[in-house]
Amino acid sequence: MDVWSEVVDRVLPGPALAPSARELLVLLGLVAAVVVLGPAWRAARLVVTLVHELGHAVVGILCGRRFAGFVLRMDASGHAITHGRARGPGRVATTWAGYPAPAVVGAAIIVAAARGWAPVVLTVALLVLVATLVRVRSFLTALVMVLVLAALGLLWWAAGPLWQGLAVLAVGAVLLVGAWRHVGSVARDRSRGSDPAVLAALTRIPRVLWLVSFVLVLGAATWWAGATVLPLLP
């Protein structure tokens, strides 16, 4: 019963996040270091790509497509494999969902962390990653998944509510900034295999308009996260 009580305590939401000015400054410094420093960013962008590919997968499943697997590559690119109709709204929505996914997820978990829901975020993340672990299709993908699961599991079990909230807030910020960096990269990508190019081929809507749609979603997500975080600043 004691173990069960411990598990329940780690699943339920806690009080709203109330970090000190020093804690927020340290948090912002860590996020900036991850995004700016080359080695840290090379590791972090794999997590951004993981959320990107899971965005394809989740929307594909919601659209009635079958999720077969996904891979991550060392250059931070990836590929989610779904089966269904080659054209149509479901294929378009599935293809479109990748680039907005890190921003939407990042903003959502920032808001959740600020309101004391970091334990719930960690629980849901662990369940989703465990459920999708059987869909990995490369060694690197499996390694990234196991490392992320280990980090989240340790945070879920060993950290207190404040540190859970700060960590989730930091992950959300990295995902949000990473989403902007990824959209900036794809805007310069003229290959036929990029998501905007595939969307243009599927719909005959110009590639640039799909890029604009990404930017609009990222802008809305950034505004939502910023409106939540600004009141926390001293």
Protein backbone atom coordinates (compact mmCIF):
# COMPACT_ATOMS: atom_id res chain seq x y z
CA MET A 1 0.00 0.00 0.00
CA ASP A 2 2.90 2.37 0.70
CA VAL A 3 4.28 1.84 -2.80
CA TRP A 4 0.82 2.36 -4.29
CA SER A 5 0.44 5.60 -2.33
CA GLU A 6 3.81 6.77 -3.62
CA VAL A 7 2.72 6.06 -7.20
CA VAL A 8 -0.58 7.89 -6.74
CA ASP A 9 1.22 10.89 -5.25
CA ARG A 10 3.39 11.07 -8.35
CA VAL A 11 0.44 10.99 -10.72
CA LEU A 12 -1.79 13.64 -9.19
CA PRO A 13 -1.26 17.37 -9.93
CA GLY A 14 0.23 19.60 -7.27
CA PRO A 15 0.22 23.32 -6.43
CA ALA A 16 0.86 25.94 -9.08
CA LEU A 17 4.54 26.51 -9.83
CA ALA A 18 6.07 29.38 -7.85
CA PRO A 19 9.81 29.48 -8.59
CA SER A 20 12.15 32.09 -7.18
CA ALA A 21 13.89 34.66 -9.38
CA ARG A 22 17.17 32.75 -9.03
CA GLU A 23 15.57 29.46 -10.08
CA LEU A 24 14.01 31.07 -13.14
CA LEU A 25 17.31 32.67 -14.15
CA VAL A 26 19.08 29.32 -13.84
CA LEU A 27 16.33 27.70 -15.88
CA LEU A 28 16.56 30.32 -18.64
CA GLY A 29 20.34 29.99 -18.67
CA LEU A 30 20.14 26.21 -19.09
CA VAL A 31 17.61 26.50 -21.91
CA ALA A 32 19.76 29.09 -23.68
CA ALA A 33 22.84 26.86 -23.30
CA VAL A 34 21.02 23.85 -24.74
CA VAL A 35 19.76 25.82 -27.74
CA VAL A 36 22.98 27.73 -28.46
CA LEU A 37 25.79 25.29 -27.68
CA GLY A 38 26.47 22.89 -30.53
CA PRO A 39 26.91 19.58 -28.64
CA ALA A 40 23.90 20.23 -26.39
CA TRP A 41 21.72 21.22 -29.32
CA ARG A 42 22.72 18.16 -31.35
CA ALA A 43 21.38 16.00 -28.54
CA ALA A 44 18.30 18.13 -27.87
CA ARG A 45 17.22 18.33 -31.50
CA LEU A 46 16.85 14.54 -31.56
CA VAL A 47 14.17 14.95 -28.90
CA VAL A 48 12.53 17.70 -30.99
CA THR A 49 12.58 15.34 -33.97
CA LEU A 50 11.11 12.56 -31.80
CA VAL A 51 8.13 14.79 -30.95
CA HIS A 52 7.90 15.79 -34.65
CA GLU A 53 7.63 12.15 -35.73
CA LEU A 54 5.20 11.26 -32.95
CA GLY A 55 3.10 14.21 -34.13
CA HIS A 56 2.85 12.55 -37.54
CA ALA A 57 1.99 9.25 -35.85
CA VAL A 58 -0.70 10.55 -33.48
CA VAL A 59 -2.50 12.61 -36.12
CA GLY A 60 -2.21 9.70 -38.55
CA ILE A 61 -3.89 7.37 -36.05
CA LEU A 62 -6.62 9.96 -35.38
CA CYS A 63 -7.20 10.15 -39.15
CA GLY A 64 -7.63 6.39 -39.38
CA ARG A 65 -4.18 5.55 -40.68
CA ARG A 66 -2.08 2.67 -39.31
CA PHE A 67 1.13 3.66 -37.56
CA ALA A 68 3.84 1.15 -38.52
CA GLY A 69 6.98 2.69 -37.04
CA PHE A 70 9.45 5.56 -37.04
CA VAL A 71 13.17 6.23 -37.24
CA LEU A 72 15.53 8.98 -36.09
CA ARG A 73 18.82 9.72 -37.82
CA MET A 74 22.07 11.25 -36.59
CA ASP A 75 21.50 14.39 -38.69
CA ALA A 76 18.31 14.97 -36.62
CA SER A 77 16.04 14.04 -39.52
CA GLY A 78 13.44 11.32 -39.11
CA HIS A 79 10.63 9.47 -40.72
CA ALA A 80 7.28 8.19 -39.43
CA ILE A 81 5.66 5.38 -41.38
CA THR A 82 1.87 5.32 -41.60
CA HIS A 83 -0.27 3.25 -43.94
CA GLY A 84 -3.51 4.38 -45.50
CA ARG A 85 -4.79 6.23 -48.55
CA ALA A 86 -2.02 7.81 -50.62
CA ARG A 87 -3.99 11.05 -50.95
CA GLY A 88 -6.86 12.77 -49.19
CA PRO A 89 -7.41 14.83 -46.03
CA GLY A 90 -6.00 12.16 -43.71
CA ARG A 91 -2.69 12.01 -45.56
CA VAL A 92 -2.51 15.82 -45.70
CA ALA A 93 -3.22 16.22 -41.98
CA THR A 94 -0.70 13.52 -41.09
CA THR A 95 2.02 15.11 -43.21
CA TRP A 96 1.26 18.62 -41.92
CA ALA A 97 1.32 17.69 -38.22
CA GLY A 98 5.06 17.12 -37.85
CA TYR A 99 6.46 20.64 -37.73
CA PRO A 100 3.77 22.17 -35.48
CA ALA A 101 3.89 19.23 -33.03
CA PRO A 102 6.97 20.28 -30.96
CA ALA A 103 5.62 23.82 -30.56
CA VAL A 104 2.13 22.69 -29.57
CA VAL A 105 3.45 20.06 -27.17
CA GLY A 106 6.06 22.47 -25.80
CA ALA A 107 3.51 25.21 -25.12
CA ALA A 108 1.02 22.75 -23.61
CA ILE A 109 3.52 21.32 -21.14
CA ILE A 110 4.76 24.80 -20.23
CA VAL A 111 1.21 25.78 -19.33
CA ALA A 112 0.67 22.48 -17.51
CA ALA A 113 3.89 22.85 -15.51
CA ALA A 114 3.05 26.41 -14.50
CA ARG A 115 -0.31 25.20 -13.15
CA GLY A 116 1.18 22.33 -11.14
CA TRP A 117 0.43 19.54 -13.59
CA ALA A 118 4.05 18.45 -14.18
CA PRO A 119 3.44 15.02 -12.55
CA VAL A 120 0.56 14.40 -14.96
CA VAL A 121 2.70 15.49 -17.92
CA LEU A 122 5.48 13.10 -16.89
CA THR A 123 3.03 10.22 -16.41
CA VAL A 124 1.41 10.73 -19.80
CA ALA A 125 4.80 11.11 -21.49
CA LEU A 126 6.06 7.86 -19.97
CA LEU A 127 2.94 5.98 -21.05
CA VAL A 128 3.10 7.33 -24.60
CA LEU A 129 6.79 6.52 -24.98
CA VAL A 130 6.39 3.01 -23.57
CA ALA A 131 3.46 2.38 -25.93
CA THR A 132 5.46 3.56 -28.97
CA LEU A 133 8.70 1.83 -28.01
CA VAL A 134 7.66 -1.25 -29.99
CA ARG A 135 7.42 0.91 -33.13
CA VAL A 136 11.07 1.96 -33.30
CA ARG A 137 12.84 0.88 -36.48
CA SER A 138 16.52 1.65 -35.82
CA PHE A 139 19.14 1.31 -33.11
CA LEU A 140 19.54 5.09 -32.74
CA THR A 141 15.79 5.51 -32.33
CA ALA A 142 15.72 2.82 -29.65
CA LEU A 143 18.69 4.41 -27.86
CA VAL A 144 17.08 7.87 -27.83
CA MET A 145 13.79 6.42 -26.61
CA VAL A 146 15.45 4.47 -23.78
CA LEU A 147 17.50 7.48 -22.66
CA VAL A 148 14.45 9.75 -22.69
CA LEU A 149 12.41 7.15 -20.80
CA ALA A 150 15.16 6.78 -18.21
CA ALA A 151 15.44 10.55 -17.70
CA LEU A 152 11.68 11.04 -17.43
CA GLY A 153 11.30 8.01 -15.16
CA LEU A 154 13.98 9.29 -12.78
CA LEU A 155 12.40 12.75 -12.75
CA TRP A 156 8.94 11.26 -12.17
CA TRP A 157 10.04 9.08 -9.26
CA ALA A 158 12.84 10.97 -7.52
CA ALA A 159 12.23 14.71 -7.99
CA GLY A 160 9.97 16.90 -5.92
CA PRO A 161 7.10 18.96 -7.36
CA LEU A 162 9.20 22.14 -7.78
CA TRP A 163 12.01 20.43 -9.68
CA GLN A 164 9.54 18.45 -11.75
CA GLY A 165 7.80 21.67 -12.69
CA LEU A 166 11.04 23.46 -13.56
CA ALA A 167 12.29 20.50 -15.61
CA VAL A 168 9.04 20.20 -17.56
CA LEU A 169 9.07 23.97 -18.10
CA ALA A 170 12.62 23.71 -19.48
CA VAL A 171 11.74 20.81 -21.80
CA GLY A 172 8.74 22.76 -23.07
CA ALA A 173 10.92 25.80 -23.78
CA VAL A 174 13.48 23.68 -25.65
CA LEU A 175 10.72 22.09 -27.74
CA LEU A 176 9.25 25.49 -28.53
CA VAL A 177 12.56 27.04 -29.57
CA GLY A 178 13.50 23.84 -31.39
CA ALA A 179 10.26 23.99 -33.37
CA TRP A 180 11.24 27.45 -34.65
CA ARG A 181 14.71 26.23 -35.58
CA HIS A 182 13.28 23.25 -37.44
CA VAL A 183 10.84 25.41 -39.40
CA GLY A 184 13.70 27.75 -40.26
CA SER A 185 15.66 24.78 -41.60
CA VAL A 186 12.81 23.40 -43.69
CA ALA A 187 12.14 26.87 -45.13
CA ARG A 188 15.60 26.65 -46.72
CA ASP A 189 15.10 23.07 -47.87
CA ARG A 190 14.10 22.90 -51.54
CA SER A 191 14.06 19.11 -51.81
CA ARG A 192 10.93 17.31 -52.99
CA GLY A 193 10.94 15.12 -49.90
CA SER A 194 10.41 17.88 -47.32
CA ASP A 195 7.00 18.06 -45.65
CA PRO A 196 6.01 21.40 -47.29
CA ALA A 197 6.99 20.06 -50.72
CA VAL A 198 5.00 16.85 -50.16
CA LEU A 199 2.00 18.90 -49.00
CA ALA A 200 2.27 21.08 -52.11
CA ALA A 201 2.32 17.96 -54.29
CA LEU A 202 -0.69 16.48 -52.47
CA THR A 203 -2.84 19.62 -52.60
CA ARG A 204 -1.38 21.96 -55.26
CA ILE A 205 -1.32 24.64 -52.58
CA PRO A 206 2.06 26.41 -52.83
CA ARG A 207 4.82 25.28 -50.51
CA VAL A 208 5.22 28.77 -49.05
CA LEU A 209 1.62 28.77 -47.80
CA TRP A 210 2.25 25.56 -45.89
CA LEU A 211 5.29 27.21 -44.34
CA VAL A 212 3.10 30.17 -43.38
CA SER A 213 0.66 27.77 -41.70
CA PHE A 214 3.52 26.35 -39.63
CA VAL A 215 4.63 29.84 -38.61
CA LEU A 216 1.09 30.81 -37.57
CA VAL A 217 0.74 27.76 -35.33
CA LEU A 218 4.20 28.30 -33.84
CA GLY A 219 3.36 31.95 -33.23
CA ALA A 220 0.12 31.07 -31.44
CA ALA A 221 1.90 28.43 -29.34
CA THR A 222 4.65 30.89 -28.41
CA TRP A 223 2.12 33.54 -27.41
CA TRP A 224 0.22 30.99 -25.27
CA ALA A 225 3.40 29.86 -23.50
CA GLY A 226 4.66 33.42 -23.07
CA ALA A 227 1.39 34.61 -21.57
CA THR A 228 1.68 31.81 -19.01
CA VAL A 229 5.35 32.27 -18.14
CA LEU A 230 5.48 36.09 -17.92
CA PRO A 231 3.42 36.23 -14.69
CA LEU A 232 5.99 33.92 -13.08
CA LEU A 233 8.80 36.39 -13.69
CA PRO A 234 9.73 38.61 -10.73
